Amino acid sequence: MNKVVANADEVIRDIRDGATVMVGGFGLCGIPENLIDALVRSGVKNLTTISNNVGVDDFGLGKCLYAGQIVKHIGSYVGENRLLEEMVLTNKLDLTLVPQGTFAERLRAGGAGIPAFFTPTGFGTIVAEGKEVREFDGRPYVMERALKADFALIKAYKGDKWGNLIYRKTARNFNPMMAMAAKVTIVEVEELVEVGELDPDKIMTPSVYVQRIFQGTNYEKRIERRTLRKA
């Protein structure tokens, strides 16, 4: 049951070219910094990434983008990243934008074993193009398919050696849903503790969803866009 791996490079050892990888985080909040750096060092290519956004020019998933590792991305927000804009406009990246609430529900459905669901969001827009539409109680709904992946790279605040996880405040974001929706869930934590040290009532992701865990280091925890009021 001990799922602890020594470091970030070892824990992603079997992520290969062409893999589909979910990456937790919202903007730069709650992103798995050590795992992203290890992914860049690994040199894997042709990745499909599923994440709310693609980081910024020099941080987060933006590092993988600059390394030429991502060929397709599914997410909700693509601002703050000039290279991403250039790649999309020149057809060098296959980008699928998903309304954020729909994105969250597609992740949840993937973890719950629900293949698809209907939502009114996006009807009558390009979001609905090519998708099945049904009417319920006089209102049209668009069918959206669940999101699943080969790997999920997750950041948590605390975890034990079995993989039970606790997140801290808004750094929780999409991490718990992604942890449930991948074949292999890989977790980095700020604090790794012995089994039994976590309060069971505070555990947000149970160990059954986690395959590997390690303690991260040297977190920057950048703010995506710092705004200060005038003195």
C-alpha atoms as a PDB file:
ATOM      1  CA  MET A   1       0.000   0.000   0.000  1.00  0.00           C
ATOM      2  CA  ASN A   2       2.994   2.331   0.260  1.00  0.00           C
ATOM      3  CA  LYS A   3       2.679   4.408  -2.912  1.00  0.00           C
ATOM      4  CA  VAL A   4       5.567   6.777  -2.228  1.00  0.00           C
ATOM      5  CA  VAL A   5       8.050   7.415  -5.048  1.00  0.00           C
ATOM      6  CA  ALA A   6      11.374   9.145  -4.493  1.00  0.00           C
ATOM      7  CA  ASN A   7      11.040  12.117  -6.828  1.00  0.00           C
ATOM      8  CA  ALA A   8       9.198  13.751  -9.711  1.00  0.00           C
ATOM      9  CA  ASP A   9      11.367  12.255 -12.467  1.00  0.00           C
ATOM     10  CA  GLU A  10      10.853   8.709 -11.220  1.00  0.00           C
ATOM     11  CA  VAL A  11       7.122   9.114 -10.629  1.00  0.00           C
ATOM     12  CA  ILE A  12       6.375  10.010 -14.288  1.00  0.00           C
ATOM     13  CA  ARG A  13       8.667   7.317 -15.670  1.00  0.00           C
ATOM     14  CA  ASP A  14       6.032   5.679 -17.880  1.00  0.00           C
ATOM     15  CA  ILE A  15       4.444   8.752 -19.480  1.00  0.00           C
ATOM     16  CA  ARG A  16       5.180   8.177 -23.157  1.00  0.00           C
ATOM     17  CA  ASP A  17       4.802  10.101 -26.414  1.00  0.00           C
ATOM     18  CA  GLY A  18       1.166  10.552 -27.413  1.00  0.00           C
ATOM     19  CA  ALA A  19      -0.260  10.246 -23.891  1.00  0.00           C
ATOM     20  CA  THR A  20      -3.326  12.127 -22.708  1.00  0.00           C
ATOM     21  CA  VAL A  21      -2.502  13.960 -19.482  1.00  0.00           C
ATOM     22  CA  MET A  22      -4.768  15.867 -17.114  1.00  0.00           C
ATOM     23  CA  VAL A  23      -3.044  18.620 -15.147  1.00  0.00           C
ATOM     24  CA  GLY A  24      -4.645  20.156 -12.068  1.00  0.00           C
ATOM     25  CA  GLY A  25      -4.763  23.853 -11.316  1.00  0.00           C
ATOM     26  CA  PHE A  26      -6.687  27.036 -11.982  1.00  0.00           C
ATOM     27  CA  GLY A  27      -4.469  29.634 -13.582  1.00  0.00           C
ATOM     28  CA  LEU A  28      -1.289  29.116 -11.578  1.00  0.00           C
ATOM     29  CA  CYS A  29      -3.114  28.169  -8.374  1.00  0.00           C
ATOM     30  CA  GLY A  30      -2.779  24.554  -7.307  1.00  0.00           C
ATOM     31  CA  ILE A  31      -0.662  23.443 -10.257  1.00  0.00           C
ATOM     32  CA  PRO A  32       1.756  20.495  -9.860  1.00  0.00           C
ATOM     33  CA  GLU A  33       4.948  22.534 -10.334  1.00  0.00           C
ATOM     34  CA  ASN A  34       7.395  19.677  -9.773  1.00  0.00           C
ATOM     35  CA  LEU A  35       5.546  17.304 -12.084  1.00  0.00           C
ATOM     36  CA  ILE A  36       5.377  19.858 -14.895  1.00  0.00           C
ATOM     37  CA  ASP A  37       9.126  20.468 -14.614  1.00  0.00           C
ATOM     38  CA  ALA A  38       9.755  16.716 -14.690  1.00  0.00           C
ATOM     39  CA  LEU A  39       7.540  16.384 -17.751  1.00  0.00           C
ATOM     40  CA  VAL A  40       9.664  18.985 -19.548  1.00  0.00           C
ATOM     41  CA  ARG A  41      12.865  17.186 -18.557  1.00  0.00           C
ATOM     42  CA  SER A  42      11.483  13.878 -19.809  1.00  0.00           C
ATOM     43  CA  GLY A  43      11.197  15.220 -23.359  1.00  0.00           C
ATOM     44  CA  VAL A  44       7.967  13.365 -24.164  1.00  0.00           C
ATOM     45  CA  LYS A  45       6.162  14.642 -27.259  1.00  0.00           C
ATOM     46  CA  ASN A  46       2.744  14.742 -28.922  1.00  0.00           C
ATOM     47  CA  LEU A  47       0.864  15.133 -25.666  1.00  0.00           C
ATOM     48  CA  THR A  48      -2.829  15.857 -25.370  1.00  0.00           C
ATOM     49  CA  THR A  49      -3.293  17.968 -22.249  1.00  0.00           C
ATOM     50  CA  ILE A  50      -6.523  18.505 -20.352  1.00  0.00           C
ATOM     51  CA  SER A  51      -6.322  21.467 -17.997  1.00  0.00           C
ATOM     52  CA  ASN A  52      -8.303  24.606 -17.275  1.00  0.00           C
ATOM     53  CA  ASN A  53      -5.600  26.675 -18.969  1.00  0.00           C
ATOM     54  CA  VAL A  54      -2.090  26.336 -20.420  1.00  0.00           C
ATOM     55  CA  GLY A  55      -0.143  28.314 -17.865  1.00  0.00           C
ATOM     56  CA  VAL A  56       1.651  31.525 -18.799  1.00  0.00           C
ATOM     57  CA  ASP A  57       4.583  32.188 -21.121  1.00  0.00           C
ATOM     58  CA  ASP A  58       7.271  30.888 -18.774  1.00  0.00           C
ATOM     59  CA  PHE A  59       5.474  28.953 -16.066  1.00  0.00           C
ATOM     60  CA  GLY A  60       3.049  26.109 -15.545  1.00  0.00           C
ATOM     61  CA  LEU A  61       2.020  24.199 -18.669  1.00  0.00           C
ATOM     62  CA  GLY A  62       3.493  27.078 -20.661  1.00  0.00           C
ATOM     63  CA  LYS A  63       6.858  25.357 -20.108  1.00  0.00           C
ATOM     64  CA  CYS A  64       5.635  22.230 -21.907  1.00  0.00           C
ATOM     65  CA  LEU A  65       4.254  24.389 -24.708  1.00  0.00           C
ATOM     66  CA  TYR A  66       7.611  26.110 -25.222  1.00  0.00           C
ATOM     67  CA  ALA A  67       9.315  22.715 -25.208  1.00  0.00           C
ATOM     68  CA  GLY A  68       7.123  21.645 -28.126  1.00  0.00           C
ATOM     69  CA  GLN A  69       5.484  18.819 -26.173  1.00  0.00           C
ATOM     70  CA  ILE A  70       1.781  19.655 -26.582  1.00  0.00           C
ATOM     71  CA  VAL A  71      -0.084  19.049 -29.843  1.00  0.00           C
ATOM     72  CA  LYS A  72      -3.649  19.159 -28.515  1.00  0.00           C
ATOM     73  CA  HIS A  73      -5.239  20.919 -25.567  1.00  0.00           C
ATOM     74  CA  ILE A  74      -8.705  20.762 -24.004  1.00  0.00           C
ATOM     75  CA  GLY A  75      -9.543  23.520 -21.539  1.00  0.00           C
ATOM     76  CA  SER A  76     -11.515  26.646 -20.690  1.00  0.00           C
ATOM     77  CA  TYR A  77      -9.119  29.578 -20.712  1.00  0.00           C
ATOM     78  CA  VAL A  78      -6.214  30.447 -22.982  1.00  0.00           C
ATOM     79  CA  GLY A  79      -5.200  33.969 -21.986  1.00  0.00           C
ATOM     80  CA  GLU A  80      -1.808  35.116 -20.642  1.00  0.00           C
ATOM     81  CA  ASN A  81       0.156  33.009 -23.137  1.00  0.00           C
ATOM     82  CA  ARG A  82       1.466  34.567 -26.363  1.00  0.00           C
ATOM     83  CA  LEU A  83       2.957  31.368 -27.772  1.00  0.00           C
ATOM     84  CA  LEU A  84      -0.357  29.564 -27.359  1.00  0.00           C
ATOM     85  CA  GLU A  85      -2.109  32.321 -29.295  1.00  0.00           C
ATOM     86  CA  GLU A  86       0.453  32.095 -32.099  1.00  0.00           C
ATOM     87  CA  MET A  87       0.194  28.297 -32.281  1.00  0.00           C
ATOM     88  CA  VAL A  88      -3.596  28.340 -32.447  1.00  0.00           C
ATOM     89  CA  LEU A  89      -3.701  31.055 -35.118  1.00  0.00           C
ATOM     90  CA  THR A  90      -1.151  29.201 -37.255  1.00  0.00           C
ATOM     91  CA  ASN A  91      -2.842  25.788 -36.779  1.00  0.00           C
ATOM     92  CA  LYS A  92       0.115  24.335 -34.894  1.00  0.00           C
ATOM     93  CA  LEU A  93      -2.040  23.361 -31.909  1.00  0.00           C
ATOM     94  CA  ASP A  94      -5.396  21.598 -31.848  1.00  0.00           C
ATOM     95  CA  LEU A  95      -7.375  23.594 -29.272  1.00  0.00           C
ATOM     96  CA  THR A  96     -10.782  22.641 -27.893  1.00  0.00           C
ATOM     97  CA  LEU A  97     -12.406  25.281 -25.691  1.00  0.00           C
ATOM     98  CA  VAL A  98     -15.041  24.099 -23.228  1.00  0.00           C
ATOM     99  CA  PRO A  99     -17.297  26.299 -21.065  1.00  0.00           C
ATOM    100  CA  GLN A 100     -15.848  26.086 -17.570  1.00  0.00           C
ATOM    101  CA  GLY A 101     -18.895  24.590 -15.877  1.00  0.00           C
ATOM    102  CA  THR A 102     -19.191  22.008 -18.643  1.00  0.00           C
ATOM    103  CA  PHE A 103     -15.467  21.298 -18.328  1.00  0.00           C
ATOM    104  CA  ALA A 104     -15.858  20.596 -14.605  1.00  0.00           C
ATOM    105  CA  GLU A 105     -18.845  18.333 -15.203  1.00  0.00           C
ATOM    106  CA  ARG A 106     -17.095  16.432 -17.996  1.00  0.00           C
ATOM    107  CA  LEU A 107     -14.242  15.715 -15.580  1.00  0.00           C
ATOM    108  CA  ARG A 108     -16.652  14.641 -12.850  1.00  0.00           C
ATOM    109  CA  ALA A 109     -18.496  12.391 -15.294  1.00  0.00           C
ATOM    110  CA  GLY A 110     -15.230  10.776 -16.333  1.00  0.00           C
ATOM    111  CA  GLY A 111     -14.461   9.875 -12.741  1.00  0.00           C
ATOM    112  CA  ALA A 112     -17.996   8.696 -12.020  1.00  0.00           C
ATOM    113  CA  GLY A 113     -18.176   6.358 -15.008  1.00  0.00           C
ATOM    114  CA  ILE A 114     -20.853   8.429 -16.753  1.00  0.00           C
ATOM    115  CA  PRO A 115     -20.120   8.407 -20.506  1.00  0.00           C
ATOM    116  CA  ALA A 116     -22.111  11.530 -21.404  1.00  0.00           C
ATOM    117  CA  PHE A 117     -24.682  14.022 -20.143  1.00  0.00           C
ATOM    118  CA  PHE A 118     -26.923  16.818 -21.434  1.00  0.00           C
ATOM    119  CA  THR A 119     -26.511  20.508 -20.631  1.00  0.00           C
ATOM    120  CA  PRO A 120     -28.187  23.673 -21.950  1.00  0.00           C
ATOM    121  CA  THR A 121     -24.836  25.472 -21.947  1.00  0.00           C
ATOM    122  CA  GLY A 122     -23.575  26.223 -25.418  1.00  0.00           C
ATOM    123  CA  PHE A 123     -26.757  25.551 -27.363  1.00  0.00           C
ATOM    124  CA  GLY A 124     -26.986  27.780 -30.422  1.00  0.00           C
ATOM    125  CA  THR A 125     -23.235  28.523 -30.393  1.00  0.00           C
ATOM    126  CA  ILE A 126     -20.151  26.937 -31.955  1.00  0.00           C
ATOM    127  CA  VAL A 127     -19.843  24.898 -28.752  1.00  0.00           C
ATOM    128  CA  ALA A 128     -22.775  22.776 -29.943  1.00  0.00           C
ATOM    129  CA  GLU A 129     -21.550  22.201 -33.498  1.00  0.00           C
ATOM    130  CA  GLY A 130     -21.483  18.515 -34.389  1.00  0.00           C
ATOM    131  CA  LYS A 131     -23.052  17.430 -31.111  1.00  0.00           C
ATOM    132  CA  GLU A 132     -26.342  15.727 -30.416  1.00  0.00           C
ATOM    133  CA  VAL A 133     -29.121  18.048 -29.207  1.00  0.00           C
ATOM    134  CA  ARG A 134     -32.270  16.872 -27.407  1.00  0.00           C
ATOM    135  CA  GLU A 135     -35.205  18.716 -25.972  1.00  0.00           C
ATOM    136  CA  PHE A 136     -36.248  18.258 -22.337  1.00  0.00           C
ATOM    137  CA  ASP A 137     -39.323  20.030 -20.985  1.00  0.00           C
ATOM    138  CA  GLY A 138     -39.304  22.346 -23.974  1.00  0.00           C
ATOM    139  CA  ARG A 139     -35.657  23.385 -23.648  1.00  0.00           C
ATOM    140  CA  PRO A 140     -32.794  22.230 -25.942  1.00  0.00           C
ATOM    141  CA  TYR A 141     -29.807  20.513 -24.373  1.00  0.00           C
ATOM    142  CA  VAL A 142     -26.394  19.650 -25.833  1.00  0.00           C
ATOM    143  CA  MET A 143     -24.816  16.262 -25.236  1.00  0.00           C
ATOM    144  CA  GLU A 144     -21.298  16.440 -23.810  1.00  0.00           C
ATOM    145  CA  ARG A 145     -19.001  13.446 -23.396  1.00  0.00           C
ATOM    146  CA  ALA A 146     -16.991  12.645 -20.284  1.00  0.00           C
ATOM    147  CA  LEU A 147     -13.284  13.490 -20.123  1.00  0.00           C
ATOM    148  CA  LYS A 148     -10.789  10.773 -19.208  1.00  0.00           C
ATOM    149  CA  ALA A 149      -7.011  10.485 -19.482  1.00  0.00           C
ATOM    150  CA  ASP A 150      -4.069   8.125 -19.303  1.00  0.00           C
ATOM    151  CA  PHE A 151      -2.500  10.134 -16.472  1.00  0.00           C
ATOM    152  CA  ALA A 152      -3.577  12.848 -14.026  1.00  0.00           C
ATOM    153  CA  LEU A 153      -0.897  15.097 -12.507  1.00  0.00           C
ATOM    154  CA  ILE A 154      -2.292  16.408  -9.233  1.00  0.00           C
ATOM    155  CA  LYS A 155      -1.175  18.868  -6.550  1.00  0.00           C
ATOM    156  CA  ALA A 156      -2.392  18.522  -2.967  1.00  0.00           C
ATOM    157  CA  TYR A 157      -1.469  20.236   0.284  1.00  0.00           C
ATOM    158  CA  LYS A 158      -1.077  17.128   2.441  1.00  0.00           C
ATOM    159  CA  GLY A 159      -1.100  13.437   1.708  1.00  0.00           C
ATOM    160  CA  ASP A 160      -0.275  10.202   3.499  1.00  0.00           C
ATOM    161  CA  LYS A 161       1.736   7.285   2.164  1.00  0.00           C
ATOM    162  CA  TRP A 162      -1.403   5.494   0.989  1.00  0.00           C
ATOM    163  CA  GLY A 163      -2.454   8.485  -1.103  1.00  0.00           C
ATOM    164  CA  ASN A 164      -5.232  10.053   0.967  1.00  0.00           C
ATOM    165  CA  LEU A 165      -5.243  13.756   0.116  1.00  0.00           C
ATOM    166  CA  ILE A 166      -6.156  17.120   1.614  1.00  0.00           C
ATOM    167  CA  TYR A 167      -6.213  20.296  -0.490  1.00  0.00           C
ATOM    168  CA  ARG A 168      -5.827  23.847   0.758  1.00  0.00           C
ATOM    169  CA  LYS A 169      -8.550  26.389  -0.023  1.00  0.00           C
ATOM    170  CA  THR A 170      -8.884  27.397  -3.698  1.00  0.00           C
ATOM    171  CA  ALA A 171      -5.815  25.342  -4.628  1.00  0.00           C
ATOM    172  CA  ARG A 172      -8.279  22.435  -4.585  1.00  0.00           C
ATOM    173  CA  ASN A 173      -9.930  23.609  -7.859  1.00  0.00           C
ATOM    174  CA  PHE A 174      -9.992  20.823 -10.502  1.00  0.00           C
ATOM    175  CA  ASN A 175      -7.535  18.513  -8.728  1.00  0.00           C
ATOM    176  CA  PRO A 176     -10.044  16.198  -6.968  1.00  0.00           C
ATOM    177  CA  MET A 177     -12.109  15.614 -10.116  1.00  0.00           C
ATOM    178  CA  MET A 178      -9.053  14.905 -12.250  1.00  0.00           C
ATOM    179  CA  ALA A 179      -7.716  12.493  -9.642  1.00  0.00           C
ATOM    180  CA  MET A 180     -10.787  10.337 -10.284  1.00  0.00           C
ATOM    181  CA  ALA A 181     -10.791  10.521 -14.082  1.00  0.00           C
ATOM    182  CA  ALA A 182      -7.438   9.017 -15.127  1.00  0.00           C
ATOM    183  CA  LYS A 183      -6.036   5.509 -15.394  1.00  0.00           C
ATOM    184  CA  VAL A 184      -2.986   6.550 -13.344  1.00  0.00           C
ATOM    185  CA  THR A 185      -3.131   9.395 -10.822  1.00  0.00           C
ATOM    186  CA  ILE A 186       0.210  10.876  -9.803  1.00  0.00           C
ATOM    187  CA  VAL A 187       0.279  13.288  -6.864  1.00  0.00           C
ATOM    188  CA  GLU A 188       2.766  15.770  -5.473  1.00  0.00           C
ATOM    189  CA  VAL A 189       2.164  17.118  -1.977  1.00  0.00           C
ATOM    190  CA  GLU A 190       3.715  19.864   0.082  1.00  0.00           C
ATOM    191  CA  GLU A 191       3.663  17.669   3.163  1.00  0.00           C
ATOM    192  CA  LEU A 192       3.825  13.875   3.175  1.00  0.00           C
ATOM    193  CA  VAL A 193       2.764  12.186   6.421  1.00  0.00           C
ATOM    194  CA  GLU A 194       2.360   8.708   7.841  1.00  0.00           C
ATOM    195  CA  VAL A 195      -0.892   6.806   7.463  1.00  0.00           C
ATOM    196  CA  GLY A 196      -3.258   7.754  10.291  1.00  0.00           C
ATOM    197  CA  GLU A 197      -1.982  11.295  10.730  1.00  0.00           C
ATOM    198  CA  LEU A 198      -4.699  12.869   8.567  1.00  0.00           C
ATOM    199  CA  ASP A 199      -8.095  13.594  10.068  1.00  0.00           C
ATOM    200  CA  PRO A 200     -10.433  11.241   8.151  1.00  0.00           C
ATOM    201  CA  ASP A 201     -13.146  13.906   8.102  1.00  0.00           C
ATOM    202  CA  LYS A 202     -10.832  16.273   6.208  1.00  0.00           C
ATOM    203  CA  ILE A 203      -9.694  13.870   3.482  1.00  0.00           C
ATOM    204  CA  MET A 204     -10.983  15.124   0.120  1.00  0.00           C
ATOM    205  CA  THR A 205      -9.534  12.498  -2.223  1.00  0.00           C
ATOM    206  CA  PRO A 206      -9.396   8.945  -0.822  1.00  0.00           C
ATOM    207  CA  SER A 207      -6.389   6.761  -1.553  1.00  0.00           C
ATOM    208  CA  VAL A 208      -8.292   4.420  -3.873  1.00  0.00           C
ATOM    209  CA  TYR A 209      -7.896   6.983  -6.671  1.00  0.00           C
ATOM    210  CA  VAL A 210      -4.151   7.506  -6.217  1.00  0.00           C
ATOM    211  CA  GLN A 211      -1.424   5.282  -7.656  1.00  0.00           C
ATOM    212  CA  ARG A 212       1.748   7.280  -6.847  1.00  0.00           C
ATOM    213  CA  ILE A 213       2.688  10.096  -4.501  1.00  0.00           C
ATOM    214  CA  PHE A 214       5.798  12.083  -3.584  1.00  0.00           C
ATOM    215  CA  GLN A 215       6.723  15.190  -1.639  1.00  0.00           C
ATOM    216  CA  GLY A 216       7.409  18.224  -3.831  1.00  0.00           C
ATOM    217  CA  THR A 217       9.985  20.924  -3.182  1.00  0.00           C
ATOM    218  CA  ASN A 218      10.827  24.547  -3.973  1.00  0.00           C
ATOM    219  CA  TYR A 219       7.326  25.786  -4.716  1.00  0.00           C
ATOM    220  CA  GLU A 220       7.115  29.240  -6.280  1.00  0.00           C
ATOM    221  CA  LYS A 221       3.303  29.547  -6.093  1.00  0.00           C
ATOM    222  CA  ARG A 222       3.272  32.429  -8.530  1.00  0.00           C
ATOM    223  CA  ILE A 223       0.345  34.801  -8.916  1.00  0.00           C
ATOM    224  CA  GLU A 224      -0.863  34.828 -12.509  1.00  0.00           C
ATOM    225  CA  ARG A 225      -1.335  38.573 -12.661  1.00  0.00           C
ATOM    226  CA  ARG A 226      -0.403  40.684  -9.679  1.00  0.00           C
ATOM    227  CA  THR A 227      -2.408  43.893  -9.368  1.00  0.00           C
ATOM    228  CA  LEU A 228      -1.556  46.534  -6.754  1.00  0.00           C
ATOM    229  CA  ARG A 229      -3.566  49.589  -5.858  1.00  0.00           C
ATOM    230  CA  LYS A 230      -1.902  52.970  -6.075  1.00  0.00           C
ATOM    231  CA  ALA A 231      -0.403  54.323  -2.871  1.00  0.00           C
END
